[in-house]
PDB file of N, CA and C in Angstrom:
ATOM      1  N   MET A   1     -14.428  61.318 -23.824  1.00  0.00           N
ATOM      2  CA  MET A   1     -13.649  60.461 -24.707  1.00  0.00           C
ATOM      3  C   MET A   1     -12.627  61.294 -25.168  1.00  0.00           C
ATOM      4  N   LYS A   2     -13.102  62.629 -25.732  1.00  0.00           N
ATOM      5  CA  LYS A   2     -11.987  63.434 -26.176  1.00  0.00           C
ATOM      6  C   LYS A   2     -10.920  63.824 -25.271  1.00  0.00           C
ATOM      7  N   ALA A   3     -11.148  63.839 -24.005  1.00  0.00           N
ATOM      8  CA  ALA A   3     -10.204  64.221 -22.939  1.00  0.00           C
ATOM      9  C   ALA A   3      -9.021  62.863 -23.176  1.00  0.00           C
ATOM     10  N   GLU A   4      -9.651  61.767 -23.358  1.00  0.00           N
ATOM     11  CA  GLU A   4      -8.604  60.761 -23.188  1.00  0.00           C
ATOM     12  C   GLU A   4      -7.824  60.459 -24.321  1.00  0.00           C
ATOM     13  N   VAL A   5      -8.559  60.889 -25.554  1.00  0.00           N
ATOM     14  CA  VAL A   5      -7.676  61.024 -26.656  1.00  0.00           C
ATOM     15  C   VAL A   5      -6.518  62.275 -26.938  1.00  0.00           C
ATOM     16  N   ARG A   6      -7.105  63.162 -26.196  1.00  0.00           N
ATOM     17  CA  ARG A   6      -6.071  64.256 -25.909  1.00  0.00           C
ATOM     18  C   ARG A   6      -4.913  63.821 -25.082  1.00  0.00           C
ATOM     19  N   ALA A   7      -5.013  63.011 -24.351  1.00  0.00           N
ATOM     20  CA  ALA A   7      -4.159  62.556 -23.234  1.00  0.00           C
ATOM     21  C   ALA A   7      -3.154  61.518 -24.188  1.00  0.00           C
ATOM     22  N   LEU A   8      -3.864  60.670 -25.041  1.00  0.00           N
ATOM     23  CA  LEU A   8      -3.035  59.875 -25.334  1.00  0.00           C
ATOM     24  C   LEU A   8      -2.087  60.533 -26.590  1.00  0.00           C
ATOM     25  N   LEU A   9      -2.743  61.773 -26.981  1.00  0.00           N
ATOM     26  CA  LEU A   9      -1.707  62.502 -28.208  1.00  0.00           C
ATOM     27  C   LEU A   9      -0.500  62.992 -27.406  1.00  0.00           C
ATOM     28  N   ASP A  10      -0.806  63.729 -25.996  1.00  0.00           N
ATOM     29  CA  ASP A  10       0.092  64.343 -25.541  1.00  0.00           C
ATOM     30  C   ASP A  10       1.196  63.210 -24.849  1.00  0.00           C
ATOM     31  N   ARG A  11       1.223  62.016 -24.814  1.00  0.00           N
ATOM     32  CA  ARG A  11       1.891  60.877 -24.447  1.00  0.00           C
ATOM     33  C   ARG A  11       2.516  60.344 -25.604  1.00  0.00           C
ATOM     34  N   LEU A  12       2.461  60.668 -27.077  1.00  0.00           N
ATOM     35  CA  LEU A  12       2.768  60.115 -27.769  1.00  0.00           C
ATOM     36  C   LEU A  12       4.093  61.041 -28.477  1.00  0.00           C
ATOM     37  N   PRO A  13       4.941  60.571 -28.927  1.00  0.00           N
ATOM     38  CA  PRO A  13       6.201  61.333 -29.443  1.00  0.00           C
ATOM     39  C   PRO A  13       5.748  62.265 -30.309  1.00  0.00           C
ATOM     40  N   ASP A  14       6.251  63.425 -30.818  1.00  0.00           N
ATOM     41  CA  ASP A  14       5.826  64.550 -31.894  1.00  0.00           C
ATOM     42  C   ASP A  14       6.052  63.714 -33.169  1.00  0.00           C
ATOM     43  N   ASP A  15       6.980  62.605 -33.276  1.00  0.00           N
ATOM     44  CA  ASP A  15       7.278  61.824 -34.721  1.00  0.00           C
ATOM     45  C   ASP A  15       6.290  60.825 -34.829  1.00  0.00           C
ATOM     46  N   CYS A  16       5.102  60.718 -34.023  1.00  0.00           N
ATOM     47  CA  CYS A  16       4.639  59.449 -34.435  1.00  0.00           C
ATOM     48  C   CYS A  16       3.676  59.241 -35.343  1.00  0.00           C
ATOM     49  N   SER A  17       3.367  58.263 -35.936  1.00  0.00           N
ATOM     50  CA  SER A  17       2.476  57.749 -37.267  1.00  0.00           C
ATOM     51  C   SER A  17       1.144  57.957 -36.824  1.00  0.00           C
ATOM     52  N   TYR A  18       0.381  57.989 -38.206  1.00  0.00           N
ATOM     53  CA  TYR A  18      -1.059  57.597 -37.762  1.00  0.00           C
ATOM     54  C   TYR A  18      -1.217  56.315 -37.328  1.00  0.00           C
ATOM     55  N   ALA A  19      -0.473  55.191 -37.678  1.00  0.00           N
ATOM     56  CA  ALA A  19      -0.778  54.088 -37.287  1.00  0.00           C
ATOM     57  C   ALA A  19      -0.434  54.039 -35.675  1.00  0.00           C
ATOM     58  N   ASP A  20       0.531  54.748 -35.167  1.00  0.00           N
ATOM     59  CA  ASP A  20       0.684  54.819 -33.688  1.00  0.00           C
ATOM     60  C   ASP A  20      -0.692  55.549 -32.834  1.00  0.00           C
ATOM     61  N   VAL A  21      -1.200  56.363 -33.609  1.00  0.00           N
ATOM     62  CA  VAL A  21      -2.537  57.161 -33.080  1.00  0.00           C
ATOM     63  C   VAL A  21      -3.452  56.087 -33.149  1.00  0.00           C
ATOM     64  N   GLN A  22      -3.806  55.192 -34.111  1.00  0.00           N
ATOM     65  CA  GLN A  22      -4.746  54.347 -34.323  1.00  0.00           C
ATOM     66  C   GLN A  22      -4.540  53.125 -33.412  1.00  0.00           C
ATOM     67  N   ARG A  23      -3.594  52.600 -33.098  1.00  0.00           N
ATOM     68  CA  ARG A  23      -3.114  51.809 -32.357  1.00  0.00           C
ATOM     69  C   ARG A  23      -3.357  52.018 -30.577  1.00  0.00           C
ATOM     70  N   GLY A  24      -3.361  53.340 -30.293  1.00  0.00           N
ATOM     71  CA  GLY A  24      -3.291  53.975 -28.956  1.00  0.00           C
ATOM     72  C   GLY A  24      -4.905  53.982 -29.034  1.00  0.00           C
ATOM     73  N   ILE A  25      -5.671  54.546 -29.965  1.00  0.00           N
ATOM     74  CA  ILE A  25      -7.291  54.649 -29.847  1.00  0.00           C
ATOM     75  C   ILE A  25      -8.045  53.062 -29.785  1.00  0.00           C
ATOM     76  N   ALA A  26      -7.386  52.240 -30.317  1.00  0.00           N
ATOM     77  CA  ALA A  26      -7.838  50.783 -30.316  1.00  0.00           C
ATOM     78  C   ALA A  26      -7.509  50.337 -28.759  1.00  0.00           C
ATOM     79  N   VAL A  27      -6.380  50.600 -28.027  1.00  0.00           N
ATOM     80  CA  VAL A  27      -6.167  50.170 -26.724  1.00  0.00           C
ATOM     81  C   VAL A  27      -7.077  50.933 -25.817  1.00  0.00           C
ATOM     82  N   LEU A  28      -7.445  52.325 -26.422  1.00  0.00           N
ATOM     83  CA  LEU A  28      -8.430  52.832 -25.274  1.00  0.00           C
ATOM     84  C   LEU A  28      -9.854  52.325 -25.308  1.00  0.00           C
ATOM     85  N   MET A  29     -10.028  51.695 -26.523  1.00  0.00           N
ATOM     86  CA  MET A  29     -11.452  51.495 -27.112  1.00  0.00           C
ATOM     87  C   MET A  29     -11.661  49.740 -26.622  1.00  0.00           C
ATOM     88  N   TRP A  30     -10.474  49.268 -26.227  1.00  0.00           N
ATOM     89  CA  TRP A  30     -10.654  47.719 -25.680  1.00  0.00           C
ATOM     90  C   TRP A  30     -11.228  47.669 -24.529  1.00  0.00           C
ATOM     91  N   PRO A  31     -12.329  46.387 -24.381  1.00  0.00           N
ATOM     92  CA  PRO A  31     -12.724  46.307 -23.266  1.00  0.00           C
ATOM     93  C   PRO A  31     -11.992  46.330 -21.705  1.00  0.00           C
ATOM     94  N   LYS A  32     -12.591  46.783 -20.732  1.00  0.00           N
ATOM     95  CA  LYS A  32     -11.538  46.659 -19.618  1.00  0.00           C
ATOM     96  C   LYS A  32     -12.244  45.836 -18.571  1.00  0.00           C
ATOM     97  N   GLN A  33     -11.494  45.330 -17.635  1.00  0.00           N
ATOM     98  CA  GLN A  33     -11.922  44.701 -16.370  1.00  0.00           C
ATOM     99  C   GLN A  33     -12.191  45.572 -15.242  1.00  0.00           C
ATOM    100  N   GLY A  34     -12.872  45.179 -14.145  1.00  0.00           N
ATOM    101  CA  GLY A  34     -13.145  45.795 -12.967  1.00  0.00           C
ATOM    102  C   GLY A  34     -11.957  46.534 -12.564  1.00  0.00           C
ATOM    103  N   ASP A  35     -10.690  46.099 -12.640  1.00  0.00           N
ATOM    104  CA  ASP A  35      -9.501  46.854 -12.184  1.00  0.00           C
ATOM    105  C   ASP A  35      -9.075  47.726 -12.781  1.00  0.00           C
ATOM    106  N   GLY A  36      -9.548  48.191 -14.174  1.00  0.00           N
ATOM    107  CA  GLY A  36      -9.072  48.960 -15.289  1.00  0.00           C
ATOM    108  C   GLY A  36      -8.162  47.885 -16.264  1.00  0.00           C
ATOM    109  N   SER A  37      -7.731  46.993 -15.969  1.00  0.00           N
ATOM    110  CA  SER A  37      -6.874  46.346 -16.983  1.00  0.00           C
ATOM    111  C   SER A  37      -7.488  45.741 -18.362  1.00  0.00           C
ATOM    112  N   LEU A  38      -6.915  45.635 -19.043  1.00  0.00           N
ATOM    113  CA  LEU A  38      -7.554  45.163 -20.418  1.00  0.00           C
ATOM    114  C   LEU A  38      -8.078  43.534 -20.157  1.00  0.00           C
ATOM    115  N   LYS A  39      -9.347  43.396 -20.824  1.00  0.00           N
ATOM    116  CA  LYS A  39      -9.960  42.083 -20.863  1.00  0.00           C
ATOM    117  C   LYS A  39      -9.236  41.350 -21.642  1.00  0.00           C
ATOM    118  N   PRO A  40      -8.939  40.030 -21.552  1.00  0.00           N
ATOM    119  CA  PRO A  40      -8.488  39.121 -22.785  1.00  0.00           C
ATOM    120  C   PRO A  40      -9.598  38.826 -23.401  1.00  0.00           C
ATOM    121  N   PRO A  41      -9.072  38.524 -25.132  1.00  0.00           N
ATOM    122  CA  PRO A  41     -10.138  38.494 -25.983  1.00  0.00           C
ATOM    123  C   PRO A  41     -10.890  37.145 -25.701  1.00  0.00           C
ATOM    124  N   GLU A  42     -12.084  37.250 -25.924  1.00  0.00           N
ATOM    125  CA  GLU A  42     -12.931  36.162 -25.812  1.00  0.00           C
ATOM    126  C   GLU A  42     -12.619  35.026 -26.801  1.00  0.00           C
ATOM    127  N   ARG A  43     -12.519  33.690 -26.715  1.00  0.00           N
ATOM    128  CA  ARG A  43     -12.010  32.679 -27.567  1.00  0.00           C
ATOM    129  C   ARG A  43     -13.319  31.890 -28.096  1.00  0.00           C
ATOM    130  N   LEU A  44     -13.476  31.846 -29.451  1.00  0.00           N
ATOM    131  CA  LEU A  44     -14.546  31.148 -30.006  1.00  0.00           C
ATOM    132  C   LEU A  44     -14.104  29.675 -30.040  1.00  0.00           C
ATOM    133  N   PRO A  45     -15.342  28.811 -29.849  1.00  0.00           N
ATOM    134  CA  PRO A  45     -14.900  27.179 -30.187  1.00  0.00           C
ATOM    135  C   PRO A  45     -14.707  27.209 -31.370  1.00  0.00           C
ATOM    136  N   PRO A  46     -14.066  26.228 -31.917  1.00  0.00           N
ATOM    137  CA  PRO A  46     -13.412  25.868 -33.386  1.00  0.00           C
ATOM    138  C   PRO A  46     -14.714  25.699 -34.247  1.00  0.00           C
ATOM    139  N   GLU A  47     -15.786  25.054 -33.514  1.00  0.00           N
ATOM    140  CA  GLU A  47     -16.931  24.876 -34.351  1.00  0.00           C
ATOM    141  C   GLU A  47     -17.555  25.999 -34.703  1.00  0.00           C
ATOM    142  N   GLU A  48     -17.459  27.248 -33.793  1.00  0.00           N
ATOM    143  CA  GLU A  48     -18.437  28.405 -33.963  1.00  0.00           C
ATOM    144  C   GLU A  48     -17.465  29.228 -35.462  1.00  0.00           C
ATOM    145  N   VAL A  49     -16.136  28.790 -35.189  1.00  0.00           N
ATOM    146  CA  VAL A  49     -15.034  29.597 -36.327  1.00  0.00           C
ATOM    147  C   VAL A  49     -15.679  28.972 -37.554  1.00  0.00           C
ATOM    148  N   ARG A  50     -15.537  27.777 -37.601  1.00  0.00           N
ATOM    149  CA  ARG A  50     -16.019  26.901 -38.769  1.00  0.00           C
ATOM    150  C   ARG A  50     -17.527  27.510 -39.416  1.00  0.00           C
ATOM    151  N   ARG A  51     -18.364  27.550 -38.397  1.00  0.00           N
ATOM    152  CA  ARG A  51     -19.555  27.753 -38.750  1.00  0.00           C
ATOM    153  C   ARG A  51     -19.784  29.129 -39.573  1.00  0.00           C
ATOM    154  N   ARG A  52     -18.934  30.226 -38.954  1.00  0.00           N
ATOM    155  CA  ARG A  52     -19.034  31.445 -39.483  1.00  0.00           C
ATOM    156  C   ARG A  52     -17.902  31.523 -40.708  1.00  0.00           C
ATOM    157  N   LEU A  53     -17.209  30.845 -40.848  1.00  0.00           N
ATOM    158  CA  LEU A  53     -16.405  30.752 -42.075  1.00  0.00           C
ATOM    159  C   LEU A  53     -17.179  30.391 -43.094  1.00  0.00           C
ATOM    160  N   ARG A  54     -17.932  29.135 -42.966  1.00  0.00           N
ATOM    161  CA  ARG A  54     -18.528  28.667 -44.011  1.00  0.00           C
ATOM    162  C   ARG A  54     -19.779  29.788 -44.342  1.00  0.00           C
ATOM    163  N   GLU A  55     -20.222  30.618 -43.431  1.00  0.00           N
ATOM    164  CA  GLU A  55     -21.464  31.518 -43.499  1.00  0.00           C
ATOM    165  C   GLU A  55     -20.949  32.580 -44.649  1.00  0.00           C
ATOM    166  N   TRP A  56     -19.518  32.969 -44.026  1.00  0.00           N
ATOM    167  CA  TRP A  56     -18.814  34.140 -44.902  1.00  0.00           C
ATOM    168  C   TRP A  56     -18.551  33.567 -46.372  1.00  0.00           C
ATOM    169  N   LEU A  57     -18.035  32.534 -46.577  1.00  0.00           N
ATOM    170  CA  LEU A  57     -17.873  31.883 -47.948  1.00  0.00           C
ATOM    171  C   LEU A  57     -18.900  31.938 -48.288  1.00  0.00           C
ATOM    172  N   LYS A  58     -20.090  31.484 -47.842  1.00  0.00           N
ATOM    173  CA  LYS A  58     -21.333  31.071 -48.881  1.00  0.00           C
ATOM    174  C   LYS A  58     -21.841  32.675 -49.243  1.00  0.00           C
ATOM    175  N   SER A  59     -21.622  33.610 -48.391  1.00  0.00           N
ATOM    176  CA  SER A  59     -22.131  34.714 -48.851  1.00  0.00           C
ATOM    177  C   SER A  59     -21.343  35.413 -49.962  1.00  0.00           C
ATOM    178  N   GLU A  60     -19.818  35.204 -49.759  1.00  0.00           N
ATOM    179  CA  GLU A  60     -19.036  35.764 -50.902  1.00  0.00           C
ATOM    180  C   GLU A  60     -19.307  35.055 -52.040  1.00  0.00           C
ATOM    181  N   ASN A  61     -19.641  33.822 -52.183  1.00  0.00           N
ATOM    182  CA  ASN A  61     -20.122  33.142 -53.420  1.00  0.00           C
ATOM    183  C   ASN A  61     -21.212  33.657 -54.170  1.00  0.00           C
ATOM    184  N   GLU A  62     -22.171  34.139 -53.385  1.00  0.00           N
ATOM    185  CA  GLU A  62     -23.399  34.452 -53.798  1.00  0.00           C
ATOM    186  C   GLU A  62     -23.337  36.086 -54.371  1.00  0.00           C
ATOM    187  N   LYS A  63     -22.070  36.658 -54.210  1.00  0.00           N
ATOM    188  CA  LYS A  63     -22.022  38.111 -54.824  1.00  0.00           C
ATOM    189  C   LYS A  63     -21.834  38.173 -56.338  1.00  0.00           C
TER     190      LYS A  63
END
């Protein structure tokens, strides 16, 4: 893992920002497919999104 981050830092320009480094690390952490390409994000069904949102809102109201 350290070698991947070092390689990332070597590829970035000298004037890169912390945001550039964070973005690069996020890409390194993204799940990969068998061929090494990035996996597309999994989509949740709308019902599951609503359920999670209701759960989150309920927990926020209880604070």
